Structure formats: C-alpha cells, structure tokens
C-alpha cells in the first residue's frame, strides 16, 4: 500500500474463534473447551480507492474475516478501526447501524441472499426507507438508476427473485449494496456460484463500477485468476493467518511464500497450449481446532525444516526493487531472500 494513501480500514491483531459444544461426558471430566481458531491475529490495512484481493483455499478463514469486519461474527480480540466510526470490534448498536450504511457486502450465493417473498421494488424501497437515503418521491427513480448501473432493465421492479437467473440475481445484489453508497464494498466469493461465462460478466461489471464509482473493495476468492484481474494488492491466508501480502503483479511474478508459489502454479492455466499444472499441494489442510506448532504450513511445505516445525515465522516487511512494500511469514522465502539474512 502506498504511504500517501488515506486509510479507510485498519485491522490489528484480530482473532475470531468458535467454541465447540462439549458433550456431557467431557463436561463431567472437566476437559478444556476446544476452539475453532478461524482467524488468528490478522492485521490488515485497506486504503481508500484500492481493491484488496483475499485468497486461500476453502476453510482458511477468508469469509470469517469478512463477517467479523461487519460484525456478523464477534471477534475474540483485536481492533477493527474504520474511517470516522472508530473501533467496530466493540461498537455500540447505533455505531453498527452507521457502519452497515458505510460497509456493504455482496454474498456468495445469489439464490439465498435475496428474500424470495419480496419484489425487487419492495426490497429496494425498504432499504431507502430504513436508512432515510432519499425522499419517498425519489424511491422509484433512485431504484431504477441503480438497476441501470448494473445492467438490469427497469421493468424488473415488480418481479420476485425466482424470476431471475443466478447472474441477474447477483447484479441485483450488487445494486442493492451500492444503493447505500458504501465507503467499503466486501465481495465474498461473488462469482463462485455462477457459470463460467456469467462469472466473466460479473467481474467485468465490478471492474467498471470500481473505476466509475471510485470504490474501495475487499474481494474474496479462491480463484487466483479472478483476483489477479481485479485487485491492486493481494493478501494470502492460510489456516486463519496472513502468510503473504503484496502488490498484485509482484506477487504473481515472484511469490515469496511456498504456499503462494504452489497456489499460483497449481491454478489452471488460461493458455490452451499450456494445460500442465506444475505443482500440487501435498496433504490435507490441518484442522483449525488443532493448528500445527511453528509455521502452520510446515506439514505440507516442501521446504520445511526443524526450525519451521518449532518456530512460528513473523510477518516480515521488506521492499521489492521497485520500492513496493511486501510482507511474508516464512523462514525460507522462495526465490530470493529477505534482507539477505537467511
């Protein structure tokens, strides 16, 4: 992130855990409570106007992090400092209502994120009314304007979500988020439930809206090709922790963490003449209940040593030749060494 950019969101040491319900037998034996460590000590800054891509395999904590930011999940500890509202982690009800106007989320499943019993008109009118976004006489023109922005005709107003395809529903979901004029848009796997041809249309739409409306976006996906296309900066998560953070092209051209390196090389290639996958990640992702000691990636890492099993690497800052800031949590970064000290 460029130092001259104004910060919109600053997350510091954020952790989210989910207790596992104990059996009666475990309670009698007074066994310690087991926790799913979904997000562990995550720190992340997002500047105004930038799109940050958040990537990692399923179950690595990406969606939990997003839901914790908007307080659908409660954090165990940490700070979520947002714009002029302050720390969302312990925000009161009135501040959370203010936050919901400023941070909007596009959800993964366009089928379950729209109320099937409401027409598009009543859905949008309700938002405009609850948040007092404009005069009642302007509801229709405002709704039509937002639908036109996402490529939906105005004659859809009196139809219910069941009348639309997945791609159309996702367009309506995007319009519903944007009608609030949010300062931050969180897109949680917004295209993963759609057909390939529709995915491209929605990504192109988000890219157009990003430049037209100067959006700030946290874009979550497990598809690296999509993230490369839309993001200014990429953050890689593994087992609830950030393992690498970098400007997009720097990351794809020279990944530093072995996990990032393998993810990039394991992604399907767009070139029809080059369909080989040069890498695959060995083994299964460990359980977030029982996270490995040392570096959490060591059981699957081809370069792991005794140090990796014993000592957890810090997320170290270094600078590329072009002066851009990068971070990596690895004792033995790929292709080149940090500060020449390892």
Protein backbone atom coordinates (compact mmCIF):
# COMPACT_ATOMS: atom_id res chain seq x y z
CA UNK A 1 0.00 0.00 0.00
CA UNK A 2 1.33 3.43 -0.95
CA UNK A 3 2.17 5.58 2.08
CA UNK A 4 0.38 8.63 0.70
CA UNK A 5 -2.97 6.85 0.51
CA UNK A 6 -5.62 7.58 3.13
CA UNK A 7 -6.52 4.60 5.30
CA UNK A 8 -10.16 3.53 5.33
CA UNK A 9 -9.90 0.31 7.35
CA UNK A 10 -7.16 -0.77 9.75
CA UNK A 11 -7.38 -4.21 11.35
CA UNK A 12 -4.93 -5.05 14.14
CA UNK A 13 -4.35 -8.47 15.75
CA UNK A 14 -7.89 -9.64 15.01
CA UNK A 15 -8.88 -13.13 16.15
CA UNK A 16 -12.19 -14.95 15.81
CA UNK A 17 -12.84 -18.29 17.49
CA UNK A 18 -15.86 -20.58 17.69
CA UNK A 19 -16.25 -22.80 20.77
CA UNK A 20 -17.13 -26.44 20.08
CA UNK A 21 -20.06 -27.66 22.15
CA UNK A 22 -18.89 -30.15 24.76
CA UNK A 23 -20.59 -33.47 25.45
CA UNK A 24 -21.91 -34.15 28.94
CA UNK A 25 -19.08 -36.66 29.43
CA UNK A 26 -16.46 -34.01 28.53
CA UNK A 27 -18.06 -31.56 30.98
CA UNK A 28 -18.03 -34.14 33.81
CA UNK A 29 -14.36 -34.83 33.09
CA UNK A 30 -13.77 -31.05 33.05
CA UNK A 31 -11.94 -31.25 29.77
CA UNK A 32 -10.72 -27.88 28.42
CA UNK A 33 -13.03 -26.24 25.89
CA UNK A 34 -11.98 -26.80 22.28
CA UNK A 35 -11.99 -23.83 19.92
CA UNK A 36 -12.06 -23.46 16.16
CA UNK A 37 -9.42 -20.80 15.52
CA UNK A 38 -10.95 -19.34 12.37
CA UNK A 39 -8.97 -16.06 12.30
CA UNK A 40 -5.68 -15.71 14.22
CA UNK A 41 -4.01 -12.35 14.90
CA UNK A 42 -4.73 -10.84 11.50
CA UNK A 43 -3.55 -7.28 10.77
CA UNK A 44 -4.56 -5.64 7.50
CA UNK A 45 -4.89 -2.09 6.16
CA UNK A 46 -7.11 -1.05 3.25
CA UNK A 47 -6.67 2.41 1.74
CA UNK A 48 -9.41 4.48 0.10
CA UNK A 49 -9.90 3.60 -3.56
CA UNK A 50 -7.93 0.33 -3.59
CA UNK A 51 -9.13 -3.20 -4.21
CA UNK A 52 -7.54 -5.82 -1.98
CA UNK A 53 -7.86 -9.45 -3.06
CA UNK A 54 -8.06 -12.03 -0.24
CA UNK A 55 -7.14 -15.54 -1.38
CA UNK A 56 -6.64 -19.01 0.05
CA UNK A 57 -8.16 -22.47 -0.02
CA UNK A 58 -11.68 -23.10 1.28
CA UNK A 59 -11.79 -23.07 5.07
CA UNK A 60 -8.78 -20.78 5.54
CA UNK A 61 -10.82 -18.06 7.29
CA UNK A 62 -11.47 -15.59 4.44
CA UNK A 63 -15.26 -15.39 4.87
CA UNK A 64 -15.00 -15.44 8.67
CA UNK A 65 -12.68 -12.42 8.50
CA UNK A 66 -15.18 -10.58 6.25
CA UNK A 67 -18.11 -11.42 8.55
CA UNK A 68 -16.09 -10.31 11.59
CA UNK A 69 -15.35 -6.93 9.94
CA UNK A 70 -19.09 -6.29 9.54
CA UNK A 71 -19.77 -7.86 12.96
CA UNK A 72 -21.86 -10.80 11.79
CA UNK A 73 -19.24 -12.63 13.89
CA UNK A 74 -17.90 -11.25 17.15
CA UNK A 75 -14.12 -11.04 17.42
CA UNK A 76 -12.38 -12.60 20.39
CA UNK A 77 -9.85 -9.75 20.46
CA UNK A 78 -8.29 -7.16 18.19
CA UNK A 79 -9.15 -3.81 16.65
CA UNK A 80 -11.26 -3.04 13.55
CA UNK A 81 -10.68 0.68 13.05
CA UNK A 82 -13.00 2.01 10.34
CA UNK A 83 -12.99 5.57 8.95
CA UNK A 84 -14.69 8.02 11.32
CA UNK A 85 -16.59 5.40 13.33
CA UNK A 86 -13.61 4.06 15.27
CA UNK A 87 -13.21 0.52 16.62
CA UNK A 88 -16.01 -1.70 15.27
CA UNK A 89 -14.87 -4.59 17.49
CA UNK A 90 -16.62 -3.05 20.50
CA UNK A 91 -19.02 -0.67 18.69
CA UNK A 92 -22.45 0.08 20.14
CA UNK A 93 -25.71 -0.58 18.28
CA UNK A 94 -26.04 2.94 16.82
CA UNK A 95 -22.44 2.81 15.52
CA UNK A 96 -23.08 -0.60 13.95
CA UNK A 97 -26.13 0.82 12.12
CA UNK A 98 -23.90 3.66 10.89
CA UNK A 99 -21.29 1.08 9.85
CA UNK A 100 -23.84 -1.01 7.91
CA UNK A 101 -24.57 2.03 5.81
CA UNK A 102 -20.86 2.50 5.07
CA UNK A 103 -19.79 -1.14 4.61
CA UNK A 104 -21.84 -3.35 2.32
CA UNK A 105 -21.35 -6.99 1.42
CA UNK A 106 -22.07 -8.97 -1.75
CA UNK A 107 -22.63 -12.57 -0.75
CA UNK A 108 -21.52 -15.78 -2.44
CA UNK A 109 -24.92 -17.30 -3.11
CA UNK A 110 -27.24 -15.07 -5.18
CA UNK A 111 -30.09 -17.52 -4.55
CA UNK A 112 -30.21 -17.25 -0.76
CA UNK A 113 -29.12 -13.61 -0.35
CA UNK A 114 -32.35 -12.13 -1.81
CA UNK A 115 -35.65 -12.51 0.06
CA UNK A 116 -37.80 -14.78 -2.17
CA UNK A 117 -41.06 -13.26 -0.91
CA UNK A 118 -40.23 -9.65 -1.73
CA UNK A 119 -40.38 -7.95 -5.11
CA UNK A 120 -37.30 -6.06 -6.24
CA UNK A 121 -39.23 -2.81 -5.72
CA UNK A 122 -40.15 -3.58 -2.08
CA UNK A 123 -36.59 -4.80 -1.38
CA UNK A 124 -35.03 -1.52 -2.53
CA UNK A 125 -37.76 0.72 -1.10
CA UNK A 126 -37.28 -0.88 2.33
CA UNK A 127 -33.54 -0.03 2.32
CA UNK A 128 -34.18 3.55 1.16
CA UNK A 129 -36.81 3.94 3.89
CA UNK A 130 -34.91 2.35 6.83
CA UNK A 131 -31.74 4.34 6.15
CA UNK A 132 -33.54 7.55 5.06
CA UNK A 133 -31.43 7.72 1.90
CA UNK A 134 -33.79 9.97 -0.09
CA UNK A 135 -37.32 11.38 -0.20
CA UNK A 136 -40.14 8.89 -0.82
CA UNK A 137 -40.94 10.61 -4.13
CA UNK A 138 -37.43 9.68 -5.34
CA UNK A 139 -37.59 5.95 -4.42
CA UNK A 140 -38.55 4.75 -7.89
CA UNK A 141 -36.08 6.88 -9.84
CA UNK A 142 -33.25 6.01 -7.40
CA UNK A 143 -34.01 2.27 -7.67
CA UNK A 144 -34.17 2.39 -11.48
CA UNK A 145 -30.90 4.32 -11.59
CA UNK A 146 -29.11 1.65 -9.51
CA UNK A 147 -30.55 -1.22 -11.54
CA UNK A 148 -29.47 0.51 -14.78
CA UNK A 149 -25.96 0.88 -13.34
CA UNK A 150 -25.66 -2.93 -13.08
CA UNK A 151 -27.26 -3.59 -16.48
CA UNK A 152 -30.78 -4.55 -15.35
CA UNK A 153 -33.85 -3.11 -17.14
CA UNK A 154 -36.36 -1.07 -15.13
CA UNK A 155 -39.26 -3.44 -15.87
CA UNK A 156 -37.90 -5.91 -13.27
CA UNK A 157 -39.21 -3.88 -10.31
CA UNK A 158 -42.39 -5.87 -9.69
CA UNK A 159 -40.88 -9.33 -10.12
CA UNK A 160 -39.57 -11.62 -7.39
CA UNK A 161 -36.06 -13.14 -7.28
CA UNK A 162 -37.33 -16.52 -8.60
CA UNK A 163 -37.91 -14.85 -11.99
CA UNK A 164 -34.17 -14.26 -12.49
CA UNK A 165 -31.08 -16.28 -13.33
CA UNK A 166 -28.10 -16.53 -10.95
CA UNK A 167 -26.17 -13.85 -12.83
CA UNK A 168 -29.16 -11.46 -12.81
CA UNK A 169 -29.69 -12.05 -9.10
CA UNK A 170 -26.06 -11.24 -8.41
CA UNK A 171 -26.44 -7.99 -10.41
CA UNK A 172 -29.47 -7.13 -8.25
CA UNK A 173 -27.41 -7.98 -5.13
CA UNK A 174 -24.66 -5.62 -6.30
CA UNK A 175 -27.20 -2.84 -6.97
CA UNK A 176 -28.73 -3.39 -3.53
CA UNK A 177 -25.29 -2.99 -1.91
CA UNK A 178 -24.41 0.09 -3.97
CA UNK A 179 -27.69 1.94 -3.34
CA UNK A 180 -26.31 2.64 0.16
CA UNK A 181 -23.36 4.46 -1.46
CA UNK A 182 -20.96 2.48 0.77
CA UNK A 183 -17.38 3.52 1.52
CA UNK A 184 -16.24 -0.14 1.54
CA UNK A 185 -17.68 -2.99 -0.52
CA UNK A 186 -16.87 -6.55 0.59
CA UNK A 187 -17.38 -9.11 -2.19
CA UNK A 188 -17.34 -12.61 -0.67
CA UNK A 189 -16.74 -15.12 -3.50
CA UNK A 190 -19.29 -13.20 -5.61
CA UNK A 191 -18.89 -15.35 -8.73
CA UNK A 192 -18.10 -18.85 -7.42
CA UNK A 193 -21.75 -20.00 -7.61
CA UNK A 194 -22.14 -18.83 -11.23
CA UNK A 195 -21.39 -20.40 -14.64
CA UNK A 196 -18.01 -19.56 -16.15
CA UNK A 197 -19.46 -17.29 -18.87
CA UNK A 198 -21.53 -15.36 -16.32
CA UNK A 199 -18.53 -15.08 -13.95
CA UNK A 200 -16.64 -13.01 -16.52
CA UNK A 201 -19.63 -10.65 -16.96
CA UNK A 202 -19.93 -10.03 -13.21
CA UNK A 203 -16.16 -9.47 -12.81
CA UNK A 204 -16.20 -7.01 -15.73
CA UNK A 205 -19.18 -5.24 -14.14
CA UNK A 206 -17.38 -4.92 -10.78
CA UNK A 207 -14.25 -3.62 -12.56
CA UNK A 208 -16.32 -0.96 -14.39
CA UNK A 209 -18.12 0.06 -11.19
CA UNK A 210 -14.82 0.22 -9.32
CA UNK A 211 -13.45 2.88 -11.70
CA UNK A 212 -16.78 4.69 -12.24
CA UNK A 213 -17.67 4.99 -8.53
CA UNK A 214 -14.10 5.00 -7.11
CA UNK A 215 -14.99 2.01 -4.96
CA UNK A 216 -12.86 0.62 -2.16
CA UNK A 217 -13.22 -3.15 -2.23
CA UNK A 218 -12.20 -6.27 -0.32
CA UNK A 219 -12.55 -9.01 -2.92
CA UNK A 220 -12.53 -12.58 -1.55
CA UNK A 221 -11.94 -15.56 -3.82
CA UNK A 222 -10.15 -18.90 -4.07
CA UNK A 223 -9.71 -18.30 -7.83
CA UNK A 224 -6.35 -16.61 -8.37
CA UNK A 225 -7.09 -15.66 -11.99
CA UNK A 226 -10.07 -13.57 -10.91
CA UNK A 227 -8.11 -11.95 -8.08
CA UNK A 228 -5.25 -11.04 -10.42
CA UNK A 229 -7.66 -9.35 -12.81
CA UNK A 230 -9.48 -7.18 -10.28
CA UNK A 231 -7.07 -6.49 -7.37
CA UNK A 232 -4.43 -3.84 -6.72
CA UNK A 233 -2.98 -5.80 -3.82
CA UNK A 234 -3.28 -9.45 -2.76
CA UNK A 235 -3.38 -10.93 0.74
CA UNK A 236 -2.89 -14.70 1.08
CA UNK A 237 -4.44 -16.53 4.05
CA UNK A 238 -3.73 -20.00 5.36
CA UNK A 239 -5.36 -21.53 8.46
CA UNK A 240 -6.65 -18.17 9.69
CA UNK A 241 -3.32 -16.33 9.33
CA UNK A 242 -1.92 -13.97 6.69
CA UNK A 243 1.16 -15.60 5.16
CA UNK A 244 1.88 -13.12 2.35
CA UNK A 245 0.83 -9.64 1.24
CA UNK A 246 1.98 -7.88 -1.92
CA UNK A 247 1.04 -5.66 -4.89
CA UNK A 248 -0.75 -7.97 -7.33
CA UNK A 249 1.75 -8.24 -10.18
CA UNK A 250 4.74 -8.53 -7.82
CA UNK A 251 3.02 -11.45 -6.09
CA UNK A 252 2.19 -13.30 -9.29
CA UNK A 253 5.59 -12.66 -10.88
CA UNK A 254 7.64 -13.59 -7.80
CA UNK A 255 5.68 -15.20 -4.94
CA UNK A 256 7.70 -15.42 -1.73
CA UNK A 257 5.75 -17.85 0.46
CA UNK A 258 5.87 -21.53 -0.61
CA UNK A 259 2.07 -21.73 -0.18
CA UNK A 260 1.52 -18.79 -2.56
CA UNK A 261 4.03 -20.25 -5.01
CA UNK A 262 2.22 -23.60 -5.06
CA UNK A 263 -1.25 -21.96 -5.28
CA UNK A 264 -0.20 -19.91 -8.31
CA UNK A 265 1.42 -22.85 -10.06
CA UNK A 266 -1.50 -25.17 -9.26
CA UNK A 267 -4.10 -22.79 -10.73
CA UNK A 268 -5.49 -23.83 -14.15
CA UNK A 269 -3.71 -22.01 -16.98
CA UNK A 270 -5.71 -19.86 -19.40
CA UNK A 271 -3.35 -20.71 -22.29
CA UNK A 272 -4.81 -23.75 -24.14
CA UNK A 273 -1.28 -24.86 -25.16
CA UNK A 274 -0.14 -24.96 -21.55
CA UNK A 275 -2.55 -27.05 -19.50
CA UNK A 276 0.02 -28.68 -17.22
CA UNK A 277 -0.16 -28.00 -13.53
CA UNK A 278 3.40 -27.85 -12.34
CA UNK A 279 2.62 -28.20 -8.63
CA UNK A 280 0.06 -29.61 -6.27
CA UNK A 281 -0.19 -29.05 -2.53
CA UNK A 282 0.55 -32.24 -0.64
CA UNK A 283 -1.83 -33.45 2.05
CA UNK A 284 -4.97 -32.00 3.59
CA UNK A 285 -5.36 -28.65 5.34
CA UNK A 286 -4.88 -29.26 9.09
CA UNK A 287 -7.87 -28.76 11.39
CA UNK A 288 -8.37 -25.20 12.71
CA UNK A 289 -9.04 -26.86 16.10
CA UNK A 290 -5.53 -28.30 16.26
CA UNK A 291 -3.22 -25.89 14.40
CA UNK A 292 0.35 -27.22 13.94
CA UNK A 293 3.16 -25.76 16.05
CA UNK A 294 5.71 -23.44 14.46
CA UNK A 295 4.78 -22.46 10.91
CA UNK A 296 1.20 -23.64 10.32
CA UNK A 297 2.10 -24.62 6.73
CA UNK A 298 5.05 -26.87 7.66
CA UNK A 299 3.21 -30.26 7.39
CA UNK A 300 2.54 -29.53 3.68
CA UNK A 301 5.62 -27.48 2.79
CA UNK A 302 8.32 -28.98 0.53
CA UNK A 303 11.00 -26.78 2.15
CA UNK A 304 10.12 -27.28 5.85
CA UNK A 305 12.98 -27.75 8.33
CA UNK A 306 13.17 -28.37 12.08
CA UNK A 307 13.12 -24.58 12.60
CA UNK A 308 9.78 -24.38 10.76
CA UNK A 309 8.26 -27.07 12.99
CA UNK A 310 9.44 -25.32 16.13
CA UNK A 311 9.33 -21.56 15.48
CA UNK A 312 6.41 -19.55 14.08
CA UNK A 313 7.66 -17.02 11.50
CA UNK A 314 6.65 -13.39 11.92
CA UNK A 315 5.01 -11.50 9.05
CA UNK A 316 8.17 -9.61 7.98
CA UNK A 317 8.17 -6.44 5.90
CA UNK A 318 10.60 -5.99 3.01
CA UNK A 319 10.75 -3.95 -0.18
CA UNK A 320 10.97 -5.04 -3.81
CA UNK A 321 13.37 -3.43 -6.31
CA UNK A 322 10.54 -1.12 -7.44
CA UNK A 323 10.15 0.17 -3.86
CA UNK A 324 6.81 -1.51 -3.19
CA UNK A 325 6.18 -2.94 0.28
CA UNK A 326 5.71 -6.67 0.70
CA UNK A 327 5.15 -8.95 3.69
CA UNK A 328 5.82 -12.66 4.11
CA UNK A 329 5.63 -15.06 7.06
CA UNK A 330 8.30 -17.62 6.14
CA UNK A 331 11.76 -18.58 7.42
CA UNK A 332 12.88 -19.55 3.90
CA UNK A 333 11.08 -17.38 1.30
CA UNK A 334 11.01 -18.64 -2.28
CA UNK A 335 13.28 -17.15 -4.99
CA UNK A 336 15.39 -14.65 -3.16
CA UNK A 337 15.94 -13.93 0.49
CA UNK A 338 14.63 -11.20 2.78
CA UNK A 339 17.38 -8.71 3.69
CA UNK A 340 19.90 -11.46 2.82
CA UNK A 341 19.72 -12.73 6.41
CA UNK A 342 18.60 -16.30 5.67
